[in-house]
Amino acid sequence: MTSKAAFSITETAARQVRRLAAEKGVEGSVLLVGLKAKGCSGLSYDMRFVKPEETPALSETVRQHGVTVAVDPKAAMFLIGTVMDYSGGALQSGFTFINPNETGRCGCGESFTVNNRQE
């Protein structure tokens, strides 16, 4: 049986993370990805740079395309299998998350819900 990857990041998203880290002067930091209560559907993605030694214990850590991403252990069960991407356009740009655990999303796309039932 094959298990889902804990989390993955596309090359396009990694390039944007490296650019943001350079702009903020935090090269060598870890991008911590978690969830927070927000919006009409209940959850939204939360990202911030932390020093490697500030990464929460038991975090799933992924190193891809020259960046290190840690998944907050409190959010791990809701983010298993998620792919983080980045899309940029003339009218809108930002990080996107393809999360196989999502069971619903609000109309504006700001928040989502998950079914936490284990299969």
N, C-alpha and C. Protein backbone atom coordinates (compact mmCIF):
# COMPACT_ATOMS: atom_id res chain seq x y z
N MET A 1 0.85 -1.18 0.00
CA MET A 1 0.00 0.00 0.00
C MET A 1 0.89 1.24 0.00
N THR A 2 0.59 2.19 -0.86
CA THR A 2 1.35 3.43 -0.96
C THR A 2 0.68 4.49 -0.12
N SER A 3 1.47 5.19 0.70
CA SER A 3 0.88 6.26 1.50
C SER A 3 1.04 7.58 0.77
N LYS A 4 0.15 8.51 1.11
CA LYS A 4 0.21 9.84 0.50
C LYS A 4 1.43 10.58 1.01
N ALA A 5 2.02 11.40 0.14
CA ALA A 5 3.11 12.28 0.58
C ALA A 5 2.53 13.24 1.60
N ALA A 6 3.34 13.57 2.58
CA ALA A 6 2.87 14.48 3.63
C ALA A 6 2.47 15.83 3.04
N PHE A 7 3.28 16.34 2.15
CA PHE A 7 3.07 17.67 1.59
C PHE A 7 4.07 17.82 0.45
N SER A 8 3.71 18.52 -0.59
CA SER A 8 4.69 18.79 -1.65
C SER A 8 4.50 20.21 -2.17
N ILE A 9 5.56 20.69 -2.80
CA ILE A 9 5.57 22.06 -3.31
C ILE A 9 6.07 22.03 -4.75
N THR A 10 5.41 22.77 -5.61
CA THR A 10 5.84 22.80 -7.01
C THR A 10 7.06 23.69 -7.15
N GLU A 11 7.73 23.54 -8.27
CA GLU A 11 8.91 24.37 -8.55
C GLU A 11 8.52 25.85 -8.63
N THR A 12 7.36 26.14 -9.20
CA THR A 12 6.89 27.52 -9.31
C THR A 12 6.67 28.12 -7.92
N ALA A 13 6.04 27.37 -7.02
CA ALA A 13 5.82 27.87 -5.66
C ALA A 13 7.15 28.03 -4.93
N ALA A 14 8.06 27.09 -5.12
CA ALA A 14 9.37 27.17 -4.46
C ALA A 14 10.12 28.42 -4.91
N ARG A 15 10.04 28.73 -6.19
CA ARG A 15 10.70 29.93 -6.71
C ARG A 15 10.14 31.18 -6.03
N GLN A 16 8.83 31.22 -5.84
CA GLN A 16 8.19 32.36 -5.18
C GLN A 16 8.56 32.42 -3.69
N VAL A 17 8.65 31.28 -3.03
CA VAL A 17 9.05 31.25 -1.63
C VAL A 17 10.47 31.78 -1.49
N ARG A 18 11.37 31.35 -2.38
CA ARG A 18 12.76 31.85 -2.34
C ARG A 18 12.80 33.36 -2.56
N ARG A 19 11.98 33.87 -3.49
CA ARG A 19 11.93 35.30 -3.76
C ARG A 19 11.44 36.06 -2.54
N LEU A 20 10.39 35.58 -1.90
CA LEU A 20 9.85 36.24 -0.71
C LEU A 20 10.85 36.21 0.44
N ALA A 21 11.53 35.08 0.63
CA ALA A 21 12.54 34.98 1.69
C ALA A 21 13.65 35.99 1.46
N ALA A 22 14.08 36.14 0.20
CA ALA A 22 15.13 37.10 -0.12
C ALA A 22 14.66 38.53 0.15
N GLU A 23 13.42 38.84 -0.24
CA GLU A 23 12.86 40.18 0.00
C GLU A 23 12.80 40.51 1.48
N LYS A 24 12.46 39.51 2.29
CA LYS A 24 12.31 39.73 3.73
C LYS A 24 13.63 39.55 4.48
N GLY A 25 14.67 39.14 3.77
CA GLY A 25 15.97 38.94 4.41
C GLY A 25 16.01 37.73 5.33
N VAL A 26 15.25 36.70 5.00
CA VAL A 26 15.18 35.51 5.85
C VAL A 26 15.61 34.24 5.10
N GLU A 27 16.58 34.39 4.20
CA GLU A 27 17.07 33.22 3.49
C GLU A 27 17.54 32.19 4.51
N GLY A 28 17.32 30.92 4.21
CA GLY A 28 17.69 29.85 5.13
C GLY A 28 16.60 29.53 6.14
N SER A 29 15.50 30.28 6.09
CA SER A 29 14.38 30.02 6.98
C SER A 29 13.56 28.84 6.47
N VAL A 30 12.67 28.39 7.31
CA VAL A 30 11.73 27.33 6.98
C VAL A 30 10.37 27.98 6.81
N LEU A 31 9.64 27.57 5.78
CA LEU A 31 8.27 28.05 5.61
C LEU A 31 7.37 27.11 6.39
N LEU A 32 6.74 27.62 7.44
CA LEU A 32 5.83 26.84 8.27
C LEU A 32 4.42 27.01 7.73
N VAL A 33 3.80 25.89 7.37
CA VAL A 33 2.44 25.90 6.82
C VAL A 33 1.51 25.25 7.84
N GLY A 34 0.44 25.95 8.14
CA GLY A 34 -0.55 25.43 9.06
C GLY A 34 -1.93 25.91 8.67
N LEU A 35 -2.84 25.83 9.60
CA LEU A 35 -4.22 26.25 9.37
C LEU A 35 -4.65 27.19 10.49
N LYS A 36 -5.60 28.04 10.17
CA LYS A 36 -6.21 28.87 11.20
C LYS A 36 -7.70 28.96 10.92
N ALA A 37 -8.46 29.22 11.96
CA ALA A 37 -9.90 29.38 11.82
C ALA A 37 -10.16 30.72 11.17
N LYS A 38 -10.87 30.70 10.05
CA LYS A 38 -11.13 31.93 9.32
C LYS A 38 -12.18 31.69 8.24
N GLY A 39 -12.91 32.69 7.91
CA GLY A 39 -13.83 32.65 6.78
C GLY A 39 -15.11 31.89 7.05
N CYS A 40 -15.95 31.86 6.04
CA CYS A 40 -17.27 31.25 6.21
C CYS A 40 -17.24 29.73 6.19
N SER A 41 -16.18 29.12 5.66
CA SER A 41 -16.10 27.67 5.65
C SER A 41 -15.29 27.11 6.81
N GLY A 42 -14.59 27.96 7.54
CA GLY A 42 -13.97 27.53 8.77
C GLY A 42 -12.46 27.50 8.85
N LEU A 43 -11.75 27.14 7.79
CA LEU A 43 -10.30 27.02 7.83
C LEU A 43 -9.65 27.77 6.68
N SER A 44 -8.46 28.30 6.94
CA SER A 44 -7.67 28.88 5.86
C SER A 44 -6.21 28.52 6.10
N TYR A 45 -5.43 28.59 5.06
CA TYR A 45 -4.02 28.26 5.14
C TYR A 45 -3.27 29.42 5.78
N ASP A 46 -2.28 29.07 6.59
CA ASP A 46 -1.48 30.06 7.30
C ASP A 46 -0.02 29.73 7.02
N MET A 47 0.75 30.71 6.57
CA MET A 47 2.15 30.49 6.25
C MET A 47 2.98 31.59 6.87
N ARG A 48 4.14 31.20 7.39
CA ARG A 48 5.08 32.19 7.90
C ARG A 48 6.47 31.57 7.91
N PHE A 49 7.47 32.44 7.81
CA PHE A 49 8.84 32.00 7.87
C PHE A 49 9.26 31.88 9.34
N VAL A 50 9.97 30.80 9.66
CA VAL A 50 10.52 30.61 11.00
C VAL A 50 11.97 30.17 10.86
N LYS A 51 12.74 30.43 11.90
CA LYS A 51 14.11 29.93 11.92
C LYS A 51 14.05 28.42 12.07
N PRO A 52 15.02 27.69 11.51
CA PRO A 52 14.98 26.23 11.61
C PRO A 52 14.79 25.72 13.04
N GLU A 53 15.43 26.36 14.01
CA GLU A 53 15.30 25.91 15.39
C GLU A 53 13.94 26.24 16.00
N GLU A 54 13.13 27.05 15.33
CA GLU A 54 11.78 27.37 15.80
C GLU A 54 10.70 26.48 15.19
N THR A 55 11.12 25.55 14.36
CA THR A 55 10.16 24.63 13.74
C THR A 55 9.55 23.76 14.84
N PRO A 56 8.22 23.66 14.92
CA PRO A 56 7.60 22.87 15.98
C PRO A 56 8.08 21.41 15.96
N ALA A 57 8.24 20.86 17.14
CA ALA A 57 8.59 19.44 17.25
C ALA A 57 7.51 18.61 16.55
N LEU A 58 7.91 17.52 15.96
CA LEU A 58 7.03 16.58 15.26
C LEU A 58 6.46 17.13 13.95
N SER A 59 7.00 18.23 13.45
CA SER A 59 6.56 18.75 12.15
C SER A 59 7.01 17.82 11.03
N GLU A 60 6.17 17.65 10.03
CA GLU A 60 6.58 16.97 8.81
C GLU A 60 7.38 18.00 8.03
N THR A 61 8.61 17.68 7.68
CA THR A 61 9.47 18.61 6.96
C THR A 61 9.72 18.08 5.57
N VAL A 62 9.53 18.95 4.58
CA VAL A 62 9.71 18.60 3.18
C VAL A 62 10.76 19.54 2.59
N ARG A 63 11.72 18.96 1.89
CA ARG A 63 12.72 19.77 1.18
C ARG A 63 12.56 19.47 -0.31
N GLN A 64 12.14 20.48 -1.04
CA GLN A 64 11.94 20.34 -2.49
C GLN A 64 12.34 21.63 -3.17
N HIS A 65 12.98 21.51 -4.32
CA HIS A 65 13.29 22.65 -5.18
C HIS A 65 14.01 23.77 -4.44
N GLY A 66 14.86 23.42 -3.49
CA GLY A 66 15.66 24.42 -2.80
C GLY A 66 14.99 25.14 -1.65
N VAL A 67 13.83 24.68 -1.22
CA VAL A 67 13.18 25.28 -0.05
C VAL A 67 12.81 24.20 0.95
N THR A 68 12.69 24.62 2.20
CA THR A 68 12.26 23.71 3.25
C THR A 68 10.92 24.19 3.77
N VAL A 69 9.95 23.27 3.75
CA VAL A 69 8.61 23.55 4.23
C VAL A 69 8.32 22.60 5.38
N ALA A 70 7.82 23.14 6.48
CA ALA A 70 7.40 22.32 7.62
C ALA A 70 5.89 22.44 7.77
N VAL A 71 5.24 21.31 7.98
CA VAL A 71 3.80 21.30 8.21
C VAL A 71 3.57 21.26 9.71
N ASP A 72 2.85 22.26 10.20
CA ASP A 72 2.53 22.33 11.62
C ASP A 72 1.86 21.02 12.04
N PRO A 73 2.36 20.37 13.09
CA PRO A 73 1.79 19.08 13.48
C PRO A 73 0.30 19.15 13.83
N LYS A 74 -0.19 20.30 14.27
CA LYS A 74 -1.62 20.44 14.58
C LYS A 74 -2.47 20.41 13.32
N ALA A 75 -1.86 20.67 12.16
CA ALA A 75 -2.61 20.71 10.90
C ALA A 75 -2.32 19.51 10.00
N ALA A 76 -1.37 18.68 10.39
CA ALA A 76 -0.89 17.62 9.51
C ALA A 76 -2.00 16.71 9.00
N MET A 77 -2.91 16.30 9.85
CA MET A 77 -3.94 15.36 9.40
C MET A 77 -4.87 15.98 8.35
N PHE A 78 -4.95 17.29 8.29
CA PHE A 78 -5.79 17.97 7.31
C PHE A 78 -5.03 18.33 6.04
N LEU A 79 -3.71 18.20 6.07
CA LEU A 79 -2.88 18.62 4.93
C LEU A 79 -2.18 17.47 4.22
N ILE A 80 -2.36 16.24 4.68
CA ILE A 80 -1.71 15.10 4.04
C ILE A 80 -2.09 15.05 2.57
N GLY A 81 -1.08 14.99 1.72
CA GLY A 81 -1.31 14.89 0.28
C GLY A 81 -1.47 16.22 -0.43
N THR A 82 -1.37 17.32 0.29
CA THR A 82 -1.57 18.64 -0.29
C THR A 82 -0.38 19.05 -1.15
N VAL A 83 -0.67 19.70 -2.27
CA VAL A 83 0.35 20.26 -3.15
C VAL A 83 0.20 21.78 -3.13
N MET A 84 1.29 22.45 -2.80
CA MET A 84 1.31 23.92 -2.78
C MET A 84 1.86 24.40 -4.11
N ASP A 85 1.14 25.31 -4.75
CA ASP A 85 1.55 25.85 -6.05
C ASP A 85 1.47 27.37 -5.97
N TYR A 86 1.88 28.01 -7.03
CA TYR A 86 1.78 29.47 -7.12
C TYR A 86 1.31 29.80 -8.52
N SER A 87 0.33 30.68 -8.61
CA SER A 87 -0.12 31.14 -9.92
C SER A 87 -0.10 32.65 -9.93
N GLY A 88 0.38 33.18 -11.02
CA GLY A 88 0.46 34.63 -11.16
C GLY A 88 -0.20 35.06 -12.45
N GLY A 89 -1.00 36.07 -12.37
CA GLY A 89 -1.67 36.59 -13.54
C GLY A 89 -1.78 38.10 -13.45
N ALA A 90 -2.36 38.67 -14.47
CA ALA A 90 -2.49 40.12 -14.53
C ALA A 90 -3.42 40.66 -13.44
N LEU A 91 -4.46 39.90 -13.10
CA LEU A 91 -5.45 40.39 -12.13
C LEU A 91 -5.30 39.78 -10.75
N GLN A 92 -4.70 38.61 -10.67
CA GLN A 92 -4.61 37.95 -9.38
C GLN A 92 -3.40 37.02 -9.36
N SER A 93 -2.72 36.99 -8.23
CA SER A 93 -1.63 36.05 -8.07
C SER A 93 -1.57 35.61 -6.61
N GLY A 94 -1.04 34.43 -6.39
CA GLY A 94 -0.92 33.96 -5.03
C GLY A 94 -0.68 32.47 -4.97
N PHE A 95 -0.45 31.99 -3.76
CA PHE A 95 -0.24 30.57 -3.54
C PHE A 95 -1.59 29.87 -3.59
N THR A 96 -1.59 28.69 -4.14
CA THR A 96 -2.78 27.85 -4.19
C THR A 96 -2.45 26.52 -3.55
N PHE A 97 -3.45 25.87 -3.02
CA PHE A 97 -3.27 24.58 -2.37
C PHE A 97 -4.24 23.59 -2.99
N ILE A 98 -3.71 22.50 -3.48
CA ILE A 98 -4.55 21.42 -3.99
C ILE A 98 -4.57 20.38 -2.87
N ASN A 99 -5.66 20.38 -2.13
CA ASN A 99 -5.76 19.57 -0.92
C ASN A 99 -6.83 18.50 -1.12
N PRO A 100 -6.40 17.23 -1.20
CA PRO A 100 -7.38 16.15 -1.41
C PRO A 100 -8.31 15.95 -0.23
N ASN A 101 -8.04 16.59 0.90
CA ASN A 101 -8.87 16.44 2.10
C ASN A 101 -10.01 17.45 2.16
N GLU A 102 -9.97 18.45 1.29
CA GLU A 102 -11.04 19.45 1.29
C GLU A 102 -12.36 18.81 0.88
N THR A 103 -13.41 19.17 1.62
CA THR A 103 -14.74 18.68 1.28
C THR A 103 -15.66 19.82 0.88
N GLY A 104 -15.20 21.05 1.03
CA GLY A 104 -15.99 22.21 0.64
C GLY A 104 -15.13 23.45 0.67
N ARG A 105 -15.57 24.45 -0.08
CA ARG A 105 -14.83 25.71 -0.16
C ARG A 105 -15.86 26.82 -0.26
N CYS A 106 -15.56 27.95 0.38
CA CYS A 106 -16.49 29.08 0.32
C CYS A 106 -16.45 29.69 -1.09
N GLY A 107 -17.42 30.49 -1.39
CA GLY A 107 -17.55 31.08 -2.71
C GLY A 107 -16.40 31.99 -3.10
N CYS A 108 -15.83 32.69 -2.13
CA CYS A 108 -14.73 33.60 -2.46
C CYS A 108 -13.39 32.88 -2.50
N GLY A 109 -13.33 31.64 -2.05
CA GLY A 109 -12.10 30.87 -2.07
C GLY A 109 -11.16 31.15 -0.91
N GLU A 110 -11.62 31.92 0.07
CA GLU A 110 -10.75 32.28 1.19
C GLU A 110 -10.63 31.17 2.23
N SER A 111 -11.66 30.34 2.36
CA SER A 111 -11.62 29.30 3.38
C SER A 111 -12.19 28.00 2.84
N PHE A 112 -11.98 26.93 3.63
CA PHE A 112 -12.42 25.61 3.19
C PHE A 112 -12.79 24.77 4.40
N THR A 113 -13.38 23.62 4.14
CA THR A 113 -13.71 22.66 5.19
C THR A 113 -13.08 21.32 4.82
N VAL A 114 -12.88 20.50 5.84
CA VAL A 114 -12.38 19.14 5.62
C VAL A 114 -13.25 18.18 6.40
N ASN A 115 -13.32 16.99 5.88
CA ASN A 115 -13.98 15.91 6.60
C ASN A 115 -12.88 15.18 7.33
N ASN A 116 -12.87 15.22 8.65
CA ASN A 116 -11.76 14.62 9.39
C ASN A 116 -11.95 13.13 9.67
N ARG A 117 -12.84 12.49 8.98
CA ARG A 117 -13.06 11.06 9.14
C ARG A 117 -11.88 10.31 8.55
N GLN A 118 -11.29 9.40 9.30
CA GLN A 118 -10.16 8.59 8.82
C GLN A 118 -10.69 7.48 7.93
N GLU A 119 -10.00 7.26 6.82
CA GLU A 119 -10.41 6.17 5.92
C GLU A 119 -9.43 5.05 5.98
